[in-house]
Amino acid sequence: MEILCLGLNHRTAPVELRERFAIADHEVGVFANELGRQEGLGEGVVICTCNRVEFYAASQNAEAGFAAMERFLQGRGMDVSGDAFFRYRGKEGIRHLFRVVSGLDSMVLGETEILGQVKKAYQAAQEGKATARHLNKLFQRAFNVAKEVRTNTNITRGSVSVGSAAVELAEQIFGKLARCTVMILGAGEMSELTAGALHARGVKSIFVANRSYERAQSLAERMSGKAVHFEQWPSEFSDVDILIGSTSAPHHVLTHSQLAPIMAQRPARPLFCIDLAVPRDIDPEVNRIDGVYLYDIDSLQAIADQSLEVRRQELGVCEAMIAGHVEDFARWLLTSGTPRDRDEGGAGELRSVRGGI
């Protein structure tokens, strides 16, 4: 049995390419189920974040398995023939997943959000009955590896999330944020992390606009901010200095035609836009408007590369730990036999994910 991984990430593809392959959160479980049921494959897990889209499968034959994955994705309108896509098999695929969940493959080295994102992806695959013996074992081992790496190394020391990196970029432009008004479009996990970083830096006020007003209220209350109905955000925009886009919308929610007349009414007041969403929330054309400065998630790489020396020194230790686990798991695969029923290990494994590792 071999572990297969096909995907692309921030290292191999810019955001304008990654967003074309993004899969909505509510579709991930069904997508994984359909992937795992292709001839030549036995199981499937799909990971989709702002920085990566990765497809995992178990197969008795790597060549036939990759061919099945590619046919399936092509049938879903995803052309995976380009150089941006990587293909890992066996130990390479195992090692890649272990590095991903440990934060070693992230834009921000050592960041911790990716572990929760992978757990959610695995949970969605389980609920979609897409996993069985081999991927259940693989992902549970990955979560344990991530815990060991974090517990026994300094890889997370001083690390920042993508959201806090965005806040640092804002501070470089505005200086102290205490005089700034911020509007956040979206109330999901990334929005919450970013809002928390902004609140900690003492921003003057925070507006949260979300299609679910209740979620906007919940986040705004925790940040001492104000919730706004999504369709009414322009009415609160006149005093906004920083706009952060982090919705799960499949299209731009802020366009040039929407923003241009608003900016014309405030010619002496610049607007700093940070687009953390994939697909992107903010039309890149807004960068042509006078006084608008737009940064997408790839623009945060320079911020993420700062203050990494301590964590970089820990890379060798982390890689050695992961290598031991890769060899151990590869030995287990050699004796694991053929795929079993998809429900094997499902209930118990799912409880451990929900309860944390």
Protein backbone atom coordinates (compact mmCIF):
# COMPACT_ATOMS: atom_id res chain seq x y z
CA MET A 1 0.00 0.00 0.00
CA GLU A 2 1.31 3.48 -0.89
CA ILE A 3 0.39 6.95 0.33
CA LEU A 4 -0.09 9.42 -2.51
CA CYS A 5 -0.15 13.21 -2.32
CA LEU A 6 -0.90 15.53 -5.24
CA GLY A 7 -1.14 19.26 -4.70
CA LEU A 8 0.18 22.78 -4.95
CA ASN A 9 1.05 25.39 -2.32
CA HIS A 10 2.46 28.86 -1.77
CA ARG A 11 5.94 27.62 -2.69
CA THR A 12 4.91 26.31 -6.10
CA ALA A 13 2.07 28.59 -7.17
CA PRO A 14 1.08 32.26 -6.71
CA VAL A 15 -2.27 33.15 -5.18
CA GLU A 16 -3.88 33.85 -8.57
CA LEU A 17 -3.27 30.18 -9.49
CA ARG A 18 -4.07 28.69 -6.07
CA GLU A 19 -7.46 30.39 -5.95
CA ARG A 20 -8.51 28.58 -9.13
CA PHE A 21 -8.29 25.26 -7.30
CA ALA A 22 -9.88 26.32 -4.01
CA ILE A 23 -12.65 24.06 -2.67
CA ALA A 24 -15.35 25.42 -0.38
CA ASP A 25 -15.31 24.13 3.20
CA HIS A 26 -18.74 22.53 2.91
CA GLU A 27 -17.64 20.56 -0.17
CA VAL A 28 -14.39 19.11 1.19
CA GLY A 29 -15.90 15.97 2.74
CA VAL A 30 -17.94 15.06 -0.34
CA PHE A 31 -14.97 15.80 -2.59
CA ALA A 32 -12.75 13.49 -0.50
CA ASN A 33 -15.37 10.73 -0.64
CA GLU A 34 -15.62 10.94 -4.43
CA LEU A 35 -11.83 10.98 -4.75
CA GLY A 36 -11.40 7.89 -2.58
CA ARG A 37 -13.99 5.94 -4.58
CA GLN A 38 -12.12 6.21 -7.86
CA GLU A 39 -10.89 2.96 -9.35
CA GLY A 40 -7.32 2.40 -8.18
CA LEU A 41 -7.82 4.35 -4.95
CA GLY A 42 -9.12 3.24 -1.59
CA GLU A 43 -9.40 6.38 0.53
CA GLY A 44 -9.19 10.16 0.24
CA VAL A 45 -8.55 13.36 2.22
CA VAL A 46 -8.62 16.89 0.80
CA ILE A 47 -6.81 19.79 2.48
CA CYS A 48 -7.66 23.28 1.24
CA THR A 49 -6.31 26.40 2.96
CA CYS A 50 -5.28 29.84 1.76
CA ASN A 51 -1.77 28.52 1.10
CA ARG A 52 -2.34 24.99 -0.21
CA VAL A 53 -4.68 22.55 -1.95
CA GLU A 54 -3.57 18.94 -1.42
CA PHE A 55 -5.19 15.61 -2.23
CA TYR A 56 -4.20 12.49 -0.28
CA ALA A 57 -5.08 8.92 -1.23
CA ALA A 58 -4.07 5.33 -0.52
CA SER A 59 -3.39 3.00 -3.43
CA GLN A 60 -1.88 -0.40 -4.10
CA ASN A 61 -0.16 0.99 -7.20
CA ALA A 62 1.26 4.51 -7.26
CA GLU A 63 1.21 4.98 -11.04
CA ALA A 64 -2.38 3.79 -11.37
CA GLY A 65 -3.36 5.78 -8.31
CA PHE A 66 -1.94 9.06 -9.59
CA ALA A 67 -3.58 8.44 -12.95
CA ALA A 68 -6.94 7.93 -11.19
CA MET A 69 -6.47 11.13 -9.18
CA GLU A 70 -5.63 13.13 -12.27
CA ARG A 71 -8.62 11.79 -14.24
CA PHE A 72 -10.94 12.61 -11.36
CA LEU A 73 -9.61 16.15 -10.95
CA GLN A 74 -9.64 16.79 -14.68
CA GLY A 75 -13.29 15.73 -14.64
CA ARG A 76 -13.91 18.37 -11.99
CA GLY A 77 -12.36 21.06 -14.18
CA MET A 78 -8.95 21.02 -12.47
CA ASP A 79 -6.00 20.86 -14.85
CA VAL A 80 -3.20 19.42 -12.71
CA SER A 81 -0.70 18.95 -15.53
CA GLY A 82 1.33 22.08 -14.84
CA ASP A 83 4.65 22.41 -13.04
CA ALA A 84 2.93 23.99 -10.02
CA PHE A 85 1.64 20.58 -8.89
CA PHE A 86 3.82 18.23 -6.88
CA ARG A 87 3.33 14.47 -6.64
CA TYR A 88 4.67 12.59 -3.63
CA ARG A 89 4.44 8.85 -3.07
CA GLY A 90 5.42 6.54 -0.24
CA LYS A 91 7.85 8.02 2.24
CA GLU A 92 7.86 11.38 0.40
CA GLY A 93 4.09 11.73 0.86
CA ILE A 94 4.25 10.69 4.49
CA ARG A 95 7.10 13.10 5.22
CA HIS A 96 5.31 15.93 3.43
CA LEU A 97 2.17 15.57 5.57
CA PHE A 98 4.20 15.33 8.79
CA ARG A 99 6.06 18.53 7.84
CA VAL A 100 2.81 20.31 6.93
CA VAL A 101 1.04 19.62 10.24
CA SER A 102 4.20 20.52 12.17
CA GLY A 103 4.31 23.97 10.56
CA LEU A 104 7.56 23.32 8.67
CA ASP A 105 6.01 23.83 5.24
CA SER A 106 4.08 26.98 6.13
CA MET A 107 4.61 30.52 4.90
CA VAL A 108 5.25 31.42 8.55
CA LEU A 109 7.68 28.78 9.81
CA GLY A 110 6.31 27.09 12.92
CA GLU A 111 2.81 28.58 12.70
CA THR A 112 0.18 26.61 14.55
CA GLU A 113 -3.06 27.27 12.63
CA ILE A 114 -2.29 24.62 10.00
CA LEU A 115 -2.72 21.78 12.50
CA GLY A 116 -6.29 22.82 13.23
CA GLN A 117 -6.99 23.24 9.53
CA VAL A 118 -5.72 19.74 8.72
CA LYS A 119 -7.74 18.28 11.61
CA LYS A 120 -10.87 19.86 10.17
CA ALA A 121 -10.07 18.47 6.72
CA TYR A 122 -9.54 14.99 8.16
CA GLN A 123 -12.74 15.24 10.20
CA ALA A 124 -14.67 16.25 7.07
CA ALA A 125 -13.23 13.26 5.21
CA GLN A 126 -14.24 10.92 8.04
CA GLU A 127 -17.74 12.34 8.19
CA GLY A 128 -17.91 11.86 4.42
CA LYS A 129 -16.84 8.22 4.93
CA ALA A 130 -13.78 8.83 2.76
CA THR A 131 -11.11 7.33 5.03
CA ALA A 132 -10.25 3.82 6.18
CA ARG A 133 -7.39 2.01 7.80
CA HIS A 134 -4.42 3.61 6.08
CA LEU A 135 -5.34 7.30 6.02
CA ASN A 136 -6.84 7.06 9.51
CA LYS A 137 -3.52 5.73 10.75
CA LEU A 138 -1.53 8.25 8.71
CA PHE A 139 -3.36 11.35 9.91
CA GLN A 140 -3.49 10.23 13.54
CA ARG A 141 0.26 9.67 13.41
CA ALA A 142 0.70 13.10 11.79
CA PHE A 143 -1.17 14.80 14.64
CA ASN A 144 1.00 13.01 17.18
CA VAL A 145 4.15 14.02 15.30
CA ALA A 146 3.02 17.66 15.33
CA LYS A 147 2.50 17.50 19.09
CA GLU A 148 5.91 15.95 19.63
CA VAL A 149 7.64 18.54 17.45
CA ARG A 150 5.96 21.43 19.27
CA THR A 151 6.56 19.98 22.72
CA ASN A 152 10.21 19.05 22.28
CA THR A 153 11.57 21.86 20.08
CA ASN A 154 11.48 25.66 19.89
CA ILE A 155 10.00 25.72 16.39
CA THR A 156 6.97 27.73 17.57
CA ARG A 157 8.95 30.20 19.70
CA GLY A 158 8.13 33.73 18.63
CA SER A 159 6.11 32.48 15.68
CA VAL A 160 3.33 34.57 14.21
CA SER A 161 0.22 33.62 12.29
CA VAL A 162 -0.58 34.96 8.85
CA GLY A 163 -3.07 37.24 10.58
CA SER A 164 -0.51 38.71 12.94
CA ALA A 165 1.94 39.09 10.06
CA ALA A 166 -0.72 41.21 8.36
CA VAL A 167 -0.99 43.32 11.49
CA GLU A 168 2.79 43.82 11.55
CA LEU A 169 2.60 45.03 7.95
CA ALA A 170 -0.10 47.52 8.97
CA GLU A 171 2.13 48.80 11.78
CA GLN A 172 4.97 49.35 9.33
CA ILE A 173 2.69 51.64 7.31
CA PHE A 174 0.71 53.42 10.04
CA GLY A 175 3.00 53.16 13.03
CA LYS A 176 0.93 52.76 16.20
CA LEU A 177 -2.51 51.39 15.41
CA ALA A 178 -4.29 53.10 18.29
CA ARG A 179 -5.55 55.82 15.92
CA CYS A 180 -6.70 53.39 13.23
CA THR A 181 -10.16 52.09 12.43
CA VAL A 182 -10.30 48.59 11.00
CA MET A 183 -13.01 46.77 9.07
CA ILE A 184 -12.90 42.98 8.70
CA LEU A 185 -14.94 41.27 5.99
CA GLY A 186 -15.65 37.75 7.22
CA ALA A 187 -15.92 36.19 10.67
CA GLY A 188 -14.20 32.84 10.23
CA GLU A 189 -11.06 31.48 11.85
CA MET A 190 -8.62 33.69 9.94
CA SER A 191 -10.73 36.76 10.69
CA GLU A 192 -10.80 35.87 14.38
CA LEU A 193 -7.02 35.44 14.54
CA THR A 194 -6.44 38.71 12.73
CA ALA A 195 -8.97 40.59 14.85
CA GLY A 196 -7.31 39.22 17.99
CA ALA A 197 -3.92 40.48 16.84
CA LEU A 198 -5.39 43.90 16.01
CA HIS A 199 -7.19 44.12 19.34
CA ALA A 200 -3.96 43.26 21.17
CA ARG A 201 -2.20 46.12 19.35
CA GLY A 202 -4.82 48.57 20.62
CA VAL A 203 -6.63 49.62 17.44
CA LYS A 204 -9.11 52.45 17.86
CA SER A 205 -12.13 50.49 16.66
CA ILE A 206 -13.01 47.32 14.78
CA PHE A 207 -15.98 46.73 12.49
CA VAL A 208 -16.87 43.16 11.55
CA ALA A 209 -19.06 42.51 8.51
CA ASN A 210 -20.21 38.98 7.76
CA ARG A 211 -23.07 37.35 5.85
CA SER A 212 -24.08 35.67 9.09
CA TYR A 213 -24.80 38.68 11.30
CA GLU A 214 -24.84 36.50 14.42
CA ARG A 215 -21.25 35.40 13.78
CA ALA A 216 -20.25 39.00 13.14
CA GLN A 217 -21.82 39.99 16.47
CA SER A 218 -20.06 37.19 18.32
CA LEU A 219 -16.63 38.17 16.98
CA ALA A 220 -17.22 41.91 17.39
CA GLU A 221 -18.25 41.47 21.02
CA ARG A 222 -15.07 39.57 21.83
CA MET A 223 -13.00 42.34 20.27
CA SER A 224 -14.97 45.25 21.75
CA GLY A 225 -15.98 46.14 18.21
CA LYS A 226 -19.16 46.64 16.22
CA ALA A 227 -20.98 44.15 13.99
CA VAL A 228 -22.23 45.30 10.59
CA HIS A 229 -24.69 43.62 8.25
CA PHE A 230 -22.64 42.52 5.26
CA GLU A 231 -24.65 44.43 2.68
CA GLN A 232 -24.34 47.60 4.79
CA TRP A 233 -20.56 47.72 5.19
CA PRO A 234 -20.17 50.70 2.78
CA SER A 235 -22.21 52.86 5.19
CA GLU A 236 -19.53 52.42 7.89
CA PHE A 237 -16.59 52.83 5.54
CA SER A 238 -15.87 56.54 5.64
CA ASP A 239 -13.55 56.33 8.66
CA VAL A 240 -11.89 53.00 7.87
CA ASP A 241 -8.08 53.02 7.59
CA ILE A 242 -7.45 49.28 7.26
CA LEU A 243 -9.66 46.79 5.41
CA ILE A 244 -9.06 43.06 5.83
CA GLY A 245 -10.75 40.56 3.51
CA SER A 246 -11.11 37.03 4.87
CA THR A 247 -14.41 35.59 3.66
CA SER A 248 -15.05 32.21 2.02
CA ALA A 249 -16.81 33.78 -0.96
CA PRO A 250 -15.98 32.22 -4.35
CA HIS A 251 -15.69 35.65 -5.98
CA HIS A 252 -14.55 39.22 -5.27
CA VAL A 253 -16.67 40.93 -2.61
CA LEU A 254 -14.97 44.31 -3.11
CA THR A 255 -14.48 45.61 -6.64
CA HIS A 256 -12.97 48.68 -8.29
CA SER A 257 -16.42 50.04 -9.15
CA GLN A 258 -17.56 49.74 -5.52
CA LEU A 259 -14.49 51.31 -3.94
CA ALA A 260 -13.64 54.11 -6.40
CA PRO A 261 -16.61 56.39 -5.53
CA ILE A 262 -16.02 55.84 -1.80
CA MET A 263 -12.36 56.84 -2.08
CA ALA A 264 -13.30 59.88 -4.16
CA GLN A 265 -15.15 61.23 -1.10
CA ARG A 266 -12.03 60.92 1.11
CA PRO A 267 -9.12 62.04 -1.10
CA ALA A 268 -6.75 62.82 1.74
CA ARG A 269 -7.24 59.55 3.60
CA PRO A 270 -5.38 56.44 2.36
CA LEU A 271 -6.80 52.92 2.66
CA PHE A 272 -4.66 49.90 3.44
CA CYS A 273 -6.21 46.63 2.20
CA ILE A 274 -5.03 43.16 3.26
CA ASP A 275 -6.60 40.28 1.36
CA LEU A 276 -6.16 37.03 3.30
CA ALA A 277 -8.77 35.09 1.33
CA VAL A 278 -8.26 32.44 -1.34
CA PRO A 279 -10.08 32.91 -3.69
CA ARG A 280 -9.30 36.58 -3.19
CA ASP A 281 -11.94 38.88 -1.72
CA ILE A 282 -10.59 42.10 -3.20
CA ASP A 283 -10.31 42.73 -6.91
CA PRO A 284 -6.62 43.45 -7.70
CA GLU A 285 -7.82 46.37 -9.84
CA VAL A 286 -8.53 48.41 -6.68
CA ASN A 287 -4.77 48.90 -6.40
CA ARG A 288 -5.08 51.38 -9.28
CA ILE A 289 -7.25 53.72 -7.19
CA ASP A 290 -5.37 56.68 -5.76
CA GLY A 291 -4.78 56.25 -2.06
CA VAL A 292 -5.46 52.48 -2.02
CA TYR A 293 -2.65 50.09 -1.09
CA LEU A 294 -3.53 46.41 -1.58
CA TYR A 295 -1.56 43.42 -0.28
CA ASP A 296 -2.65 39.82 -0.86
CA ILE A 297 -1.57 36.80 1.14
CA ASP A 298 1.58 36.27 -0.92
CA SER A 299 2.69 39.80 -0.03
CA LEU A 300 3.00 38.69 3.58
CA GLN A 301 5.96 36.45 2.78
CA ALA A 302 8.49 39.21 3.51
CA ILE A 303 6.91 39.80 6.92
CA ALA A 304 6.85 36.08 7.62
CA ASP A 305 10.57 35.81 6.79
CA GLN A 306 11.55 38.21 9.57
CA SER A 307 12.54 37.10 13.09
CA LEU A 308 12.88 33.45 12.07
CA GLU A 309 16.43 32.72 13.18
CA VAL A 310 15.53 30.84 16.37
CA ARG A 311 12.98 28.70 14.57
CA ARG A 312 15.32 28.02 11.64
CA GLN A 313 17.91 26.70 14.08
CA GLU A 314 15.35 24.14 15.22
CA LEU A 315 14.68 22.81 11.72
CA GLY A 316 17.37 20.13 11.88
CA VAL A 317 15.98 18.75 15.13
CA CYS A 318 12.43 18.75 13.75
CA GLU A 319 13.45 17.06 10.51
CA ALA A 320 15.30 14.31 12.41
CA MET A 321 12.23 13.63 14.57
CA ILE A 322 9.99 13.48 11.52
CA ALA A 323 12.40 11.17 9.68
CA GLY A 324 12.13 8.61 12.47
CA HIS A 325 8.35 8.67 12.32
CA VAL A 326 8.38 8.38 8.52
CA GLU A 327 10.48 5.22 8.65
CA ASP A 328 8.28 3.74 11.36
CA PHE A 329 5.07 4.44 9.45
CA ALA A 330 6.56 3.14 6.18
CA ARG A 331 7.38 -0.17 7.92
CA TRP A 332 3.79 -0.38 9.14
CA LEU A 333 2.49 0.15 5.59
CA LEU A 334 4.54 -2.80 4.32
CA THR A 335 2.68 -5.14 6.68
CA SER A 336 -0.73 -3.48 6.70
CA GLY A 337 -2.33 -5.60 4.01
CA THR A 338 -5.12 -4.48 1.72
CA PRO A 339 -7.63 -1.66 2.30
CA ARG A 340 -10.41 -2.44 4.76
CA ASP A 341 -13.91 -1.13 5.27
CA ARG A 342 -14.07 2.68 5.24
CA ASP A 343 -15.63 2.81 8.69
CA GLU A 344 -12.70 1.07 10.36
CA GLY A 345 -11.35 3.27 13.14
CA GLY A 346 -13.67 6.06 12.16
CA ALA A 347 -15.62 6.73 15.37
CA GLY A 348 -12.69 6.46 17.70
CA GLU A 349 -10.40 8.47 15.48
CA LEU A 350 -13.00 11.22 15.06
CA ARG A 351 -13.45 11.56 18.79
CA SER A 352 -9.71 12.07 19.23
CA VAL A 353 -9.67 14.80 16.59
CA ARG A 354 -12.56 16.68 18.14
CA GLY A 355 -11.02 16.43 21.57
CA GLY A 356 -7.55 17.42 20.44
CA ILE A 357 -4.34 15.45 20.45
